[in-house]
Protein backbone atom coordinates (compact mmCIF):
# COMPACT_ATOMS: atom_id res chain seq x y z
CA UNK A 1 -58.86 36.45 58.24
CA UNK A 2 -62.24 37.90 59.09
CA UNK A 3 -61.84 40.11 62.22
CA UNK A 4 -63.16 43.66 62.80
CA UNK A 5 -60.35 46.15 63.25
CA UNK A 6 -59.65 49.53 64.78
CA UNK A 7 -56.97 51.98 63.61
CA UNK A 8 -53.42 50.78 64.05
CA UNK A 9 -51.69 51.35 67.36
CA UNK A 10 -49.47 54.43 67.38
CA UNK A 11 -46.41 52.73 68.89
CA UNK A 12 -44.84 49.36 69.51
CA UNK A 13 -45.56 47.43 72.69
CA UNK A 14 -42.96 46.34 75.23
CA UNK A 15 -45.26 44.31 77.47
CA UNK A 16 -46.74 41.48 75.37
CA UNK A 17 -48.78 38.44 76.35
CA UNK A 18 -48.86 35.92 73.50
CA UNK A 19 -51.11 32.88 73.23
CA UNK A 20 -50.61 29.82 71.06
CA UNK A 21 -54.17 28.52 71.00
CA UNK A 22 -55.23 24.88 71.03
CA UNK A 23 -58.69 23.43 71.57
CA UNK A 24 -58.18 22.69 75.27
CA UNK A 25 -55.04 24.62 76.26
CA UNK A 26 -53.22 27.91 75.82
CA UNK A 27 -49.43 28.04 75.56
CA UNK A 28 -48.44 31.48 76.88
CA UNK A 29 -45.27 33.53 76.45
CA UNK A 30 -44.85 36.87 78.21
CA UNK A 31 -42.44 39.66 77.33
CA UNK A 32 -40.26 41.26 78.59
CA UNK A 33 -39.99 38.67 81.40
CA UNK A 34 -39.67 35.71 78.98
CA UNK A 35 -42.00 33.65 81.17
CA UNK A 36 -43.65 30.63 79.52
CA UNK A 37 -46.58 28.66 80.90
CA UNK A 38 -49.64 26.68 79.89
CA UNK A 39 -53.21 27.28 81.07
CA UNK A 40 -56.59 25.77 80.15
CA UNK A 41 -58.37 27.36 77.21
CA UNK A 42 -61.25 28.82 79.21
CA UNK A 43 -62.45 32.41 79.69
CA UNK A 44 -61.75 32.18 83.45
CA UNK A 45 -58.13 31.08 82.95
CA UNK A 46 -57.45 33.73 80.32
CA UNK A 47 -59.08 36.43 82.44
CA UNK A 48 -57.11 35.43 85.55
CA UNK A 49 -53.79 35.55 83.69
CA UNK A 50 -54.53 38.87 82.01
CA UNK A 51 -55.57 40.46 85.30
CA UNK A 52 -52.28 39.34 86.85
CA UNK A 53 -50.31 40.88 84.00
CA UNK A 54 -52.43 44.01 84.11
CA UNK A 55 -51.38 44.55 87.75
CA UNK A 56 -47.75 43.77 86.88
CA UNK A 57 -47.87 46.25 84.02
CA UNK A 58 -48.93 49.05 86.37
CA UNK A 59 -45.87 48.35 88.54
CA UNK A 60 -43.41 48.03 85.65
CA UNK A 61 -44.37 51.33 84.02
CA UNK A 62 -43.27 50.21 80.53
CA UNK A 63 -46.25 51.42 78.57
CA UNK A 64 -49.45 49.74 77.37
CA UNK A 65 -49.96 45.98 77.34
CA UNK A 66 -50.69 44.00 74.18
CA UNK A 67 -52.48 40.65 73.99
CA UNK A 68 -51.75 38.75 70.76
CA UNK A 69 -52.91 35.38 69.46
CA UNK A 70 -53.37 33.61 66.13
CA UNK A 71 -56.73 33.08 64.49
CA UNK A 72 -57.64 29.41 65.02
CA UNK A 73 -61.20 29.05 63.80
CA UNK A 74 -62.87 30.25 66.99
CA UNK A 75 -60.77 28.57 69.68
CA UNK A 76 -59.14 31.96 70.36
CA UNK A 77 -62.45 33.50 71.47
CA UNK A 78 -61.78 32.99 75.19
CA UNK A 79 -58.63 35.11 74.91
CA UNK A 80 -60.26 37.80 72.78
CA UNK A 81 -63.30 38.08 75.05
CA UNK A 82 -61.17 38.31 78.20
CA UNK A 83 -58.89 40.98 76.68
CA UNK A 84 -61.83 43.09 75.48
CA UNK A 85 -63.59 42.73 78.84
CA UNK A 86 -60.50 44.10 80.61
CA UNK A 87 -60.01 46.89 78.07
CA UNK A 88 -56.66 45.58 76.81
CA UNK A 89 -55.29 46.10 73.34
CA UNK A 90 -55.53 42.85 71.39
CA UNK A 91 -54.32 41.71 67.99
CA UNK A 92 -55.47 38.56 66.19
CA UNK A 93 -52.55 37.62 63.95
CA UNK A 94 -52.78 35.77 60.66
CA UNK A 95 -50.86 32.49 60.78
CA UNK A 96 -48.94 33.21 57.58
CA UNK A 97 -47.70 36.52 59.02
CA UNK A 98 -46.33 34.77 62.10
CA UNK A 99 -44.66 32.06 59.97
CA UNK A 100 -43.06 34.76 57.81
CA UNK A 101 -41.76 36.35 61.01
CA UNK A 102 -40.38 32.95 62.10
CA UNK A 103 -38.49 32.63 58.80
CA UNK A 104 -37.14 36.15 59.25
CA UNK A 105 -35.85 35.12 62.68
CA UNK A 106 -34.41 31.90 61.26
CA UNK A 107 -36.60 29.73 63.47
CA UNK A 108 -37.53 26.40 61.90
CA UNK A 109 -38.54 24.29 64.92
CA UNK A 110 -42.24 24.26 65.74
CA UNK A 111 -44.13 23.36 68.89
CA UNK A 112 -46.61 25.23 71.08
CA UNK A 113 -44.10 26.92 73.45
CA UNK A 114 -41.85 27.93 70.54
CA UNK A 115 -44.83 29.26 68.59
CA UNK A 116 -46.02 31.26 71.61
CA UNK A 117 -42.57 32.86 71.84
CA UNK A 118 -42.63 33.72 68.14
CA UNK A 119 -46.11 35.24 68.45
CA UNK A 120 -44.85 37.35 71.36
CA UNK A 121 -41.86 38.55 69.32
CA UNK A 122 -44.14 39.32 66.39
CA UNK A 123 -46.39 41.43 68.64
CA UNK A 124 -43.39 43.29 70.06
CA UNK A 125 -41.49 43.88 66.80
CA UNK A 126 -44.28 44.54 64.29
CA UNK A 127 -45.17 48.25 64.19
CA UNK A 128 -48.66 49.57 63.62
CA UNK A 129 -50.57 46.41 64.46
CA UNK A 130 -54.31 46.75 64.00
CA UNK A 131 -56.19 46.16 67.22
CA UNK A 132 -59.11 43.78 67.43
CA UNK A 133 -62.55 45.22 68.10
CA UNK A 134 -65.32 42.79 69.07
CA UNK A 135 -68.14 42.68 66.51
CA UNK A 136 -71.69 43.43 67.56
CA UNK A 137 -73.89 40.38 68.32
CA UNK A 138 -75.93 41.10 65.18
CA UNK A 139 -72.80 41.02 63.03
CA UNK A 140 -71.75 37.70 64.55
CA UNK A 141 -75.23 36.29 63.91
CA UNK A 142 -75.15 37.46 60.29
CA UNK A 143 -71.73 35.89 59.76
CA UNK A 144 -72.92 32.57 61.17
CA UNK A 145 -76.09 32.61 59.08
CA UNK A 146 -74.21 33.48 55.88
CA UNK A 147 -71.69 30.71 56.57
CA UNK A 148 -74.54 28.25 56.98
CA UNK A 149 -76.17 29.51 53.78
CA UNK A 150 -72.92 28.92 51.88
CA UNK A 151 -72.57 25.44 53.35
CA UNK A 152 -76.12 24.53 52.33
CA UNK A 153 -75.51 25.79 48.81
CA UNK A 154 -72.37 23.64 48.58
CA UNK A 155 -74.31 20.59 49.73
CA UNK A 156 -77.10 21.26 47.23
CA UNK A 157 -74.57 21.59 44.42
CA UNK A 158 -72.88 18.33 45.42
CA UNK A 159 -76.15 16.43 45.64
CA UNK A 160 -77.31 17.79 42.28
CA UNK A 161 -74.11 16.49 40.68
CA UNK A 162 -74.68 13.07 42.24
CA UNK A 163 -78.30 13.05 41.05
CA UNK A 164 -77.19 13.79 37.50
CA UNK A 165 -75.15 10.58 37.40
CA UNK A 166 -77.32 8.32 39.56
CA UNK A 167 -79.08 5.51 37.69
CA UNK A 168 -80.44 3.35 40.52
CA UNK A 169 -84.00 4.31 41.45
CA UNK A 170 -83.39 3.97 45.19
CA UNK A 171 -80.37 6.27 45.03
CA UNK A 172 -82.23 8.85 42.94
CA UNK A 173 -85.13 8.88 45.39
CA UNK A 174 -82.73 9.33 48.29
CA UNK A 175 -80.98 12.22 46.55
CA UNK A 176 -84.25 13.92 45.58
CA UNK A 177 -85.52 13.62 49.14
CA UNK A 178 -82.32 15.11 50.51
CA UNK A 179 -82.40 17.94 47.98
CA UNK A 180 -85.94 18.87 49.00
CA UNK A 181 -84.86 18.98 52.63
CA UNK A 182 -81.81 21.11 51.80
CA UNK A 183 -83.91 23.52 49.73
CA UNK A 184 -86.27 23.90 52.66
CA UNK A 185 -83.37 24.56 55.06
CA UNK A 186 -81.85 27.09 52.67
CA UNK A 187 -85.14 28.97 52.39
CA UNK A 188 -85.43 29.06 56.20
CA UNK A 189 -81.88 30.41 56.59
CA UNK A 190 -82.44 33.09 53.95
CA UNK A 191 -85.66 34.12 55.68
CA UNK A 192 -83.78 34.45 58.98
CA UNK A 193 -81.07 36.55 57.30
CA UNK A 194 -83.67 38.94 55.91
CA UNK A 195 -85.40 39.15 59.30
CA UNK A 196 -82.10 39.89 61.05
CA UNK A 197 -81.28 42.65 58.57
CA UNK A 198 -84.72 44.21 59.05
CA UNK A 199 -84.43 44.09 62.86
CA UNK A 200 -81.02 45.75 63.03
CA UNK A 201 -81.01 49.37 61.86
CA UNK A 202 -77.25 49.43 61.14
CA UNK A 203 -77.24 46.29 58.99
CA UNK A 204 -80.40 47.37 57.21
CA UNK A 205 -79.06 50.83 56.39
CA UNK A 206 -75.65 49.62 55.20
CA UNK A 207 -77.18 46.84 53.08
CA UNK A 208 -79.60 49.26 51.37
CA UNK A 209 -76.79 51.73 50.78
CA UNK A 210 -74.65 49.10 49.05
CA UNK A 211 -77.55 47.96 46.89
CA UNK A 212 -77.71 51.37 45.21
CA UNK A 213 -74.70 50.17 43.16
CA UNK A 214 -75.68 48.31 39.99
CA UNK A 215 -74.86 44.62 40.31
CA UNK A 216 -74.89 44.58 44.11
CA UNK A 217 -77.89 42.65 45.38
CA UNK A 218 -78.92 41.59 48.86
CA UNK A 219 -76.73 38.46 48.88
CA UNK A 220 -73.62 40.46 47.95
CA UNK A 221 -74.46 43.12 50.53
CA UNK A 222 -75.02 40.61 53.34
CA UNK A 223 -71.87 38.69 52.39
CA UNK A 224 -69.77 41.83 52.58
CA UNK A 225 -71.34 42.88 55.87
CA UNK A 226 -70.69 39.42 57.31
CA UNK A 227 -67.18 38.72 56.04
CA UNK A 228 -65.73 42.18 55.47
CA UNK A 229 -66.96 44.42 58.31
CA UNK A 230 -63.90 46.67 57.78
CA UNK A 231 -65.58 48.27 54.74
CA UNK A 232 -65.98 51.98 55.35
CA UNK A 233 -63.27 52.13 58.01
CA UNK A 234 -60.23 51.54 55.78
CA UNK A 235 -59.06 53.13 52.49
CA UNK A 236 -60.24 51.63 49.23
CA UNK A 237 -56.83 50.19 48.22
CA UNK A 238 -56.53 48.49 51.61
CA UNK A 239 -60.04 47.06 51.18
CA UNK A 240 -59.05 45.69 47.76
CA UNK A 241 -55.94 44.06 49.24
CA UNK A 242 -57.94 42.59 52.12
CA UNK A 243 -60.38 41.06 49.64
CA UNK A 244 -57.50 39.63 47.62
CA UNK A 245 -58.14 41.91 44.64
CA UNK A 246 -54.94 43.96 44.62
CA UNK A 247 -52.56 43.05 41.76
CA UNK A 248 -49.01 42.50 42.97
CA UNK A 249 -45.92 43.26 40.87
CA UNK A 250 -43.53 40.47 39.88
CA UNK A 251 -40.66 42.51 38.43
CA UNK A 252 -36.93 41.89 38.66
CA UNK A 253 -34.39 44.03 36.85
CA UNK A 254 -35.54 44.41 33.26
CA UNK A 255 -38.03 41.58 33.55
CA UNK A 256 -41.67 42.59 33.94
CA UNK A 257 -43.72 39.75 35.33
CA UNK A 258 -47.46 39.33 35.08
CA UNK A 259 -49.41 41.05 37.87
CA UNK A 260 -51.49 38.68 39.95
CA UNK A 261 -53.95 38.97 42.79
CA UNK A 262 -53.06 37.01 45.91
CA UNK A 263 -54.63 35.71 49.15
CA UNK A 264 -57.61 37.61 50.61
CA UNK A 265 -61.10 36.46 51.54
CA UNK A 266 -62.63 33.87 49.27
CA UNK A 267 -66.25 34.49 50.29
CA UNK A 268 -65.91 38.16 49.37
CA UNK A 269 -64.32 37.46 45.98
CA UNK A 270 -66.94 34.87 45.08
CA UNK A 271 -69.87 37.24 45.62
CA UNK A 272 -68.08 40.16 43.96
CA UNK A 273 -67.39 38.06 40.86
CA UNK A 274 -71.12 37.64 40.22
CA UNK A 275 -71.78 41.28 41.13
CA UNK A 276 -69.10 42.47 38.70
CA UNK A 277 -70.53 40.41 35.83
CA UNK A 278 -73.98 41.87 36.49
CA UNK A 279 -72.53 45.39 36.72
CA UNK A 280 -70.76 45.01 33.36
CA UNK A 281 -74.01 43.87 31.72
CA UNK A 282 -76.27 46.53 33.20
CA UNK A 283 -74.33 49.79 33.61
CA UNK A 284 -72.23 51.82 31.16
CA UNK A 285 -69.78 52.96 33.88
CA UNK A 286 -68.57 49.40 34.43
CA UNK A 287 -69.09 48.19 30.86
CA UNK A 288 -66.84 50.90 29.44
CA UNK A 289 -64.01 50.01 31.82
CA UNK A 290 -64.26 46.30 30.97
CA UNK A 291 -64.43 46.95 27.22
CA UNK A 292 -61.43 49.28 27.34
CA UNK A 293 -59.36 46.59 29.07
CA UNK A 294 -60.43 43.88 26.64
CA UNK A 295 -59.58 46.12 23.67
CA UNK A 296 -56.05 46.27 25.09
CA UNK A 297 -55.92 42.48 24.88
CA UNK A 298 -56.77 41.68 28.49
CA UNK A 299 -58.74 38.44 29.06
CA UNK A 300 -62.37 38.71 30.14
CA UNK A 301 -61.54 37.45 33.63
CA UNK A 302 -58.95 40.20 34.07
CA UNK A 303 -61.61 42.76 33.12
CA UNK A 304 -64.06 41.22 35.61
CA UNK A 305 -61.40 41.29 38.33
CA UNK A 306 -60.79 44.97 37.62
CA UNK A 307 -64.51 45.65 38.07
CA UNK A 308 -64.52 43.60 41.28
CA UNK A 309 -61.73 45.82 42.59
CA UNK A 310 -63.59 48.93 41.46
CA UNK A 311 -66.73 47.75 43.24
CA UNK A 312 -64.99 47.15 46.57
CA UNK A 313 -63.33 50.58 46.42
CA UNK A 314 -66.65 52.27 45.59
CA UNK A 315 -68.51 50.42 48.35
CA UNK A 316 -65.88 51.26 50.96
CA UNK A 317 -66.03 54.96 50.04
CA UNK A 318 -69.84 54.95 50.09
CA UNK A 319 -69.99 53.40 53.56
CA UNK A 320 -67.36 55.80 54.86
CA UNK A 321 -69.27 58.84 53.57
CA UNK A 322 -72.68 57.27 54.30
CA UNK A 323 -73.83 58.23 50.82
CA UNK A 324 -75.52 56.21 48.03
CA UNK A 325 -73.76 55.57 44.75
CA UNK A 326 -73.50 58.76 42.69
CA UNK A 327 -74.72 56.96 39.55
CA UNK A 328 -77.67 55.32 41.28
CA UNK A 329 -80.29 57.56 39.68
CA UNK A 330 -79.07 56.85 36.18
CA UNK A 331 -78.61 53.09 36.71
């Protein structure tokens, strides 16, 4: 999940409007009334329903209203935009969290109305939900550009693999022509990313701040700004967990299982892996940590993962304090 967040709500919500989002429709479940309905997935429909519940909430006097929906690859935007426009608290839930809640409730059946009811119960019963905060237009643009950059790189890699094994002249010419076009598109996207960062003072400042850390270049900085905007607003351990870099225990009784990282944001881990390898090569602070782990018998990848976690914690602290890396001058 990639959403910007605000601090967790102080209390649970009694009045909840839950949306199970599809491309063209919204299955809605409302608590405490238990009302279920379906409306078109449009900003106007979502806004109309939320305004109705906003008026009902004022009459009921049961505390603040919560809007909750699952992340569905962008189809939830109509709900999020309407909730933010009306100043309502909104939470974008991760699908796996809702399914875990369904298992806890012993609910195995699945359809849109049932899912909407489960999402409503999740919003009511889960304490300290983090509330969605709409990203700035520049942050949305950066995320879209970085996503396109990653897609182009994947296509270039795939075409290069095909070219390596192509023997027919016509096929090779086709692949070479396509690769030239993709290289040109990639250069244009990267130019637009740099221009966007220069235009926006916030992105520019944060990117330059992050690049004071050895191993963190412009691509890593822009990737983190695009796909992990929470950096600087949450504690370092929470940032590591969000990136999927927190080792989880697997112990039971006397058995001590191997710690493993789990879940998190793949784009963030991919860029941090390269940054960590560069940091180990070019700065004693990181090299010493990696060497100490490997002397204890840890594999190289475990050492790199430890540096990745160290980097994300350092970067989060730097952005929070708005200060460059303390070792920058000696890097």
